[in-house]
């Protein structure tokens, strides 16, 4: 059996350093998630322009993003905004209806977003670490 002997000041110093980095990460992560949301929004809109046709001319402009804050962190919601013109038609365009097949514009926009997320978060956190 071995016991830790000596001064624990290094452990406390490391804990303080990690706490300081955590507090500094919040603005960077907020910016990173906003950038991810912007990118997915642009891709979703571009896809929707290609697939929505004349009957959905306003639908692409209804797609936006919003940062969401809760106790567990920062996330971003991306999708049609029902408060905007044709935003309430999002489910029909995305998943299809009796009048049209699913377009899956949002799904295609999200495909590959994990690479963006990783690079933005790596930048946001990586520059804070010694």
C-alpha atoms as a PDB file:
ATOM      1  CA  UNK A   1       0.000   0.000   0.000  1.00  0.00           C
ATOM      2  CA  UNK A   2       1.351   3.415  -0.897  1.00  0.00           C
ATOM      3  CA  UNK A   3       0.299   6.755   0.380  1.00  0.00           C
ATOM      4  CA  UNK A   4       0.683  10.150  -1.136  1.00  0.00           C
ATOM      5  CA  UNK A   5       3.264  12.076   0.815  1.00  0.00           C
ATOM      6  CA  UNK A   6       4.120  15.662   0.446  1.00  0.00           C
ATOM      7  CA  UNK A   7       2.562  18.930  -0.471  1.00  0.00           C
ATOM      8  CA  UNK A   8      -0.742  18.893  -2.362  1.00  0.00           C
ATOM      9  CA  UNK A   9      -0.290  22.459  -3.602  1.00  0.00           C
ATOM     10  CA  UNK A  10       0.363  21.297  -7.176  1.00  0.00           C
ATOM     11  CA  UNK A  11      -2.962  19.485  -7.271  1.00  0.00           C
ATOM     12  CA  UNK A  12      -4.768  22.563  -5.964  1.00  0.00           C
ATOM     13  CA  UNK A  13      -2.938  24.738  -8.484  1.00  0.00           C
ATOM     14  CA  UNK A  14      -4.014  22.444 -11.326  1.00  0.00           C
ATOM     15  CA  UNK A  15      -7.621  22.568 -10.102  1.00  0.00           C
ATOM     16  CA  UNK A  16      -7.488  26.373 -10.042  1.00  0.00           C
ATOM     17  CA  UNK A  17      -6.003  26.452 -13.553  1.00  0.00           C
ATOM     18  CA  UNK A  18      -8.767  24.194 -14.882  1.00  0.00           C
ATOM     19  CA  UNK A  19     -11.428  26.339 -13.220  1.00  0.00           C
ATOM     20  CA  UNK A  20      -9.984  29.453 -14.846  1.00  0.00           C
ATOM     21  CA  UNK A  21      -9.903  27.780 -18.268  1.00  0.00           C
ATOM     22  CA  UNK A  22     -13.497  26.628 -17.855  1.00  0.00           C
ATOM     23  CA  UNK A  23     -14.709  30.171 -17.198  1.00  0.00           C
ATOM     24  CA  UNK A  24     -12.740  31.468 -20.179  1.00  0.00           C
ATOM     25  CA  UNK A  25     -14.203  28.799 -22.471  1.00  0.00           C
ATOM     26  CA  UNK A  26     -17.786  30.062 -22.292  1.00  0.00           C
ATOM     27  CA  UNK A  27     -17.408  33.055 -24.667  1.00  0.00           C
ATOM     28  CA  UNK A  28     -15.375  30.963 -27.117  1.00  0.00           C
ATOM     29  CA  UNK A  29     -17.879  28.124 -27.082  1.00  0.00           C
ATOM     30  CA  UNK A  30     -20.758  30.564 -27.521  1.00  0.00           C
ATOM     31  CA  UNK A  31     -18.997  31.989 -30.587  1.00  0.00           C
ATOM     32  CA  UNK A  32     -18.179  28.506 -31.897  1.00  0.00           C
ATOM     33  CA  UNK A  33     -21.767  27.312 -31.604  1.00  0.00           C
ATOM     34  CA  UNK A  34     -23.046  30.514 -33.250  1.00  0.00           C
ATOM     35  CA  UNK A  35     -20.679  29.875 -36.179  1.00  0.00           C
ATOM     36  CA  UNK A  36     -21.847  26.271 -36.455  1.00  0.00           C
ATOM     37  CA  UNK A  37     -25.459  27.459 -36.470  1.00  0.00           C
ATOM     38  CA  UNK A  38     -24.694  30.027 -39.149  1.00  0.00           C
ATOM     39  CA  UNK A  39     -23.021  27.413 -41.350  1.00  0.00           C
ATOM     40  CA  UNK A  40     -25.826  24.868 -41.005  1.00  0.00           C
ATOM     41  CA  UNK A  41     -28.407  27.624 -41.628  1.00  0.00           C
ATOM     42  CA  UNK A  42     -26.655  28.681 -44.835  1.00  0.00           C
ATOM     43  CA  UNK A  43     -26.385  25.084 -46.061  1.00  0.00           C
ATOM     44  CA  UNK A  44     -30.022  24.336 -45.201  1.00  0.00           C
ATOM     45  CA  UNK A  45     -31.188  27.493 -46.984  1.00  0.00           C
ATOM     46  CA  UNK A  46     -29.113  26.628 -50.051  1.00  0.00           C
ATOM     47  CA  UNK A  47     -30.584  23.116 -50.132  1.00  0.00           C
ATOM     48  CA  UNK A  48     -34.105  24.510 -49.674  1.00  0.00           C
ATOM     49  CA  UNK A  49     -33.667  26.955 -52.571  1.00  0.00           C
ATOM     50  CA  UNK A  50     -32.847  23.967 -54.786  1.00  0.00           C
ATOM     51  CA  UNK A  51     -35.811  21.857 -53.668  1.00  0.00           C
ATOM     52  CA  UNK A  52     -38.680  24.079 -52.506  1.00  0.00           C
ATOM     53  CA  UNK A  53     -39.828  25.248 -55.934  1.00  0.00           C
ATOM     54  CA  UNK A  54     -42.183  28.120 -56.648  1.00  0.00           C
ATOM     55  CA  UNK A  55     -44.677  27.070 -53.977  1.00  0.00           C
ATOM     56  CA  UNK A  56     -41.970  27.459 -51.310  1.00  0.00           C
ATOM     57  CA  UNK A  57     -40.258  30.625 -52.516  1.00  0.00           C
ATOM     58  CA  UNK A  58     -40.233  32.164 -49.009  1.00  0.00           C
ATOM     59  CA  UNK A  59     -39.419  28.954 -47.130  1.00  0.00           C
ATOM     60  CA  UNK A  60     -35.592  29.165 -47.394  1.00  0.00           C
ATOM     61  CA  UNK A  61     -35.610  32.635 -45.799  1.00  0.00           C
ATOM     62  CA  UNK A  62     -37.535  31.236 -42.813  1.00  0.00           C
ATOM     63  CA  UNK A  63     -34.598  29.038 -41.801  1.00  0.00           C
ATOM     64  CA  UNK A  64     -32.518  30.576 -39.032  1.00  0.00           C
ATOM     65  CA  UNK A  65     -30.525  29.667 -35.941  1.00  0.00           C
ATOM     66  CA  UNK A  66     -30.670  30.593 -32.298  1.00  0.00           C
ATOM     67  CA  UNK A  67     -28.279  29.956 -29.421  1.00  0.00           C
ATOM     68  CA  UNK A  68     -29.798  28.046 -26.514  1.00  0.00           C
ATOM     69  CA  UNK A  69     -28.390  28.286 -23.010  1.00  0.00           C
ATOM     70  CA  UNK A  70     -29.205  25.909 -20.180  1.00  0.00           C
ATOM     71  CA  UNK A  71     -27.562  24.423 -17.112  1.00  0.00           C
ATOM     72  CA  UNK A  72     -25.621  21.892 -19.168  1.00  0.00           C
ATOM     73  CA  UNK A  73     -24.109  24.296 -21.694  1.00  0.00           C
ATOM     74  CA  UNK A  74     -24.599  26.083 -24.970  1.00  0.00           C
ATOM     75  CA  UNK A  75     -26.277  24.615 -28.026  1.00  0.00           C
ATOM     76  CA  UNK A  76     -27.818  25.931 -31.192  1.00  0.00           C
ATOM     77  CA  UNK A  77     -31.251  25.331 -32.691  1.00  0.00           C
ATOM     78  CA  UNK A  78     -31.409  25.529 -36.481  1.00  0.00           C
ATOM     79  CA  UNK A  79     -34.503  25.240 -38.618  1.00  0.00           C
ATOM     80  CA  UNK A  80     -37.580  26.890 -40.045  1.00  0.00           C
ATOM     81  CA  UNK A  81     -38.927  29.665 -37.852  1.00  0.00           C
ATOM     82  CA  UNK A  82     -42.727  29.428 -37.737  1.00  0.00           C
ATOM     83  CA  UNK A  83     -42.917  33.181 -37.094  1.00  0.00           C
ATOM     84  CA  UNK A  84     -41.479  33.843 -40.570  1.00  0.00           C
ATOM     85  CA  UNK A  85     -43.318  33.549 -43.876  1.00  0.00           C
ATOM     86  CA  UNK A  86     -43.699  29.854 -44.833  1.00  0.00           C
ATOM     87  CA  UNK A  87     -41.702  28.789 -41.764  1.00  0.00           C
ATOM     88  CA  UNK A  88     -44.628  26.718 -40.564  1.00  0.00           C
ATOM     89  CA  UNK A  89     -44.305  24.631 -43.738  1.00  0.00           C
ATOM     90  CA  UNK A  90     -40.955  23.247 -42.572  1.00  0.00           C
ATOM     91  CA  UNK A  91     -42.149  19.804 -41.535  1.00  0.00           C
ATOM     92  CA  UNK A  92     -43.866  19.297 -44.889  1.00  0.00           C
ATOM     93  CA  UNK A  93     -40.780  20.297 -46.842  1.00  0.00           C
ATOM     94  CA  UNK A  94     -38.358  18.371 -44.654  1.00  0.00           C
ATOM     95  CA  UNK A  95     -40.287  15.154 -44.018  1.00  0.00           C
ATOM     96  CA  UNK A  96     -42.770  15.195 -46.869  1.00  0.00           C
ATOM     97  CA  UNK A  97     -46.550  15.220 -46.949  1.00  0.00           C
ATOM     98  CA  UNK A  98     -49.385  13.882 -49.061  1.00  0.00           C
ATOM     99  CA  UNK A  99     -48.475  16.598 -51.571  1.00  0.00           C
ATOM    100  CA  UNK A 100     -44.707  16.065 -51.833  1.00  0.00           C
ATOM    101  CA  UNK A 101     -41.882  13.675 -50.983  1.00  0.00           C
ATOM    102  CA  UNK A 102     -39.417  14.525 -48.186  1.00  0.00           C
ATOM    103  CA  UNK A 103     -36.733  16.990 -49.227  1.00  0.00           C
ATOM    104  CA  UNK A 104     -34.397  16.324 -46.251  1.00  0.00           C
ATOM    105  CA  UNK A 105     -32.693  19.705 -46.757  1.00  0.00           C
ATOM    106  CA  UNK A 106     -31.919  20.066 -43.055  1.00  0.00           C
ATOM    107  CA  UNK A 107     -30.627  16.529 -42.734  1.00  0.00           C
ATOM    108  CA  UNK A 108     -28.263  17.123 -45.630  1.00  0.00           C
ATOM    109  CA  UNK A 109     -27.143  20.417 -44.060  1.00  0.00           C
ATOM    110  CA  UNK A 110     -26.367  18.737 -40.745  1.00  0.00           C
ATOM    111  CA  UNK A 111     -24.418  15.952 -42.458  1.00  0.00           C
ATOM    112  CA  UNK A 112     -20.805  16.948 -42.005  1.00  0.00           C
ATOM    113  CA  UNK A 113     -21.534  19.634 -39.395  1.00  0.00           C
ATOM    114  CA  UNK A 114     -19.695  17.565 -36.794  1.00  0.00           C
ATOM    115  CA  UNK A 115     -16.439  18.437 -38.564  1.00  0.00           C
ATOM    116  CA  UNK A 116     -17.275  22.136 -38.231  1.00  0.00           C
ATOM    117  CA  UNK A 117     -18.188  21.680 -34.590  1.00  0.00           C
ATOM    118  CA  UNK A 118     -14.933  19.888 -33.827  1.00  0.00           C
ATOM    119  CA  UNK A 119     -12.783  22.485 -35.557  1.00  0.00           C
ATOM    120  CA  UNK A 120     -14.550  25.496 -33.989  1.00  0.00           C
ATOM    121  CA  UNK A 121     -14.500  23.979 -30.500  1.00  0.00           C
ATOM    122  CA  UNK A 122     -10.904  22.856 -30.898  1.00  0.00           C
ATOM    123  CA  UNK A 123      -9.989  26.432 -31.742  1.00  0.00           C
ATOM    124  CA  UNK A 124     -12.089  27.905 -28.921  1.00  0.00           C
ATOM    125  CA  UNK A 125     -10.642  25.607 -26.254  1.00  0.00           C
ATOM    126  CA  UNK A 126      -7.200  24.863 -27.682  1.00  0.00           C
ATOM    127  CA  UNK A 127      -6.033  28.452 -27.604  1.00  0.00           C
ATOM    128  CA  UNK A 128      -6.804  28.655 -23.866  1.00  0.00           C
ATOM    129  CA  UNK A 129      -4.675  25.720 -22.823  1.00  0.00           C
ATOM    130  CA  UNK A 130      -1.005  26.290 -21.999  1.00  0.00           C
END
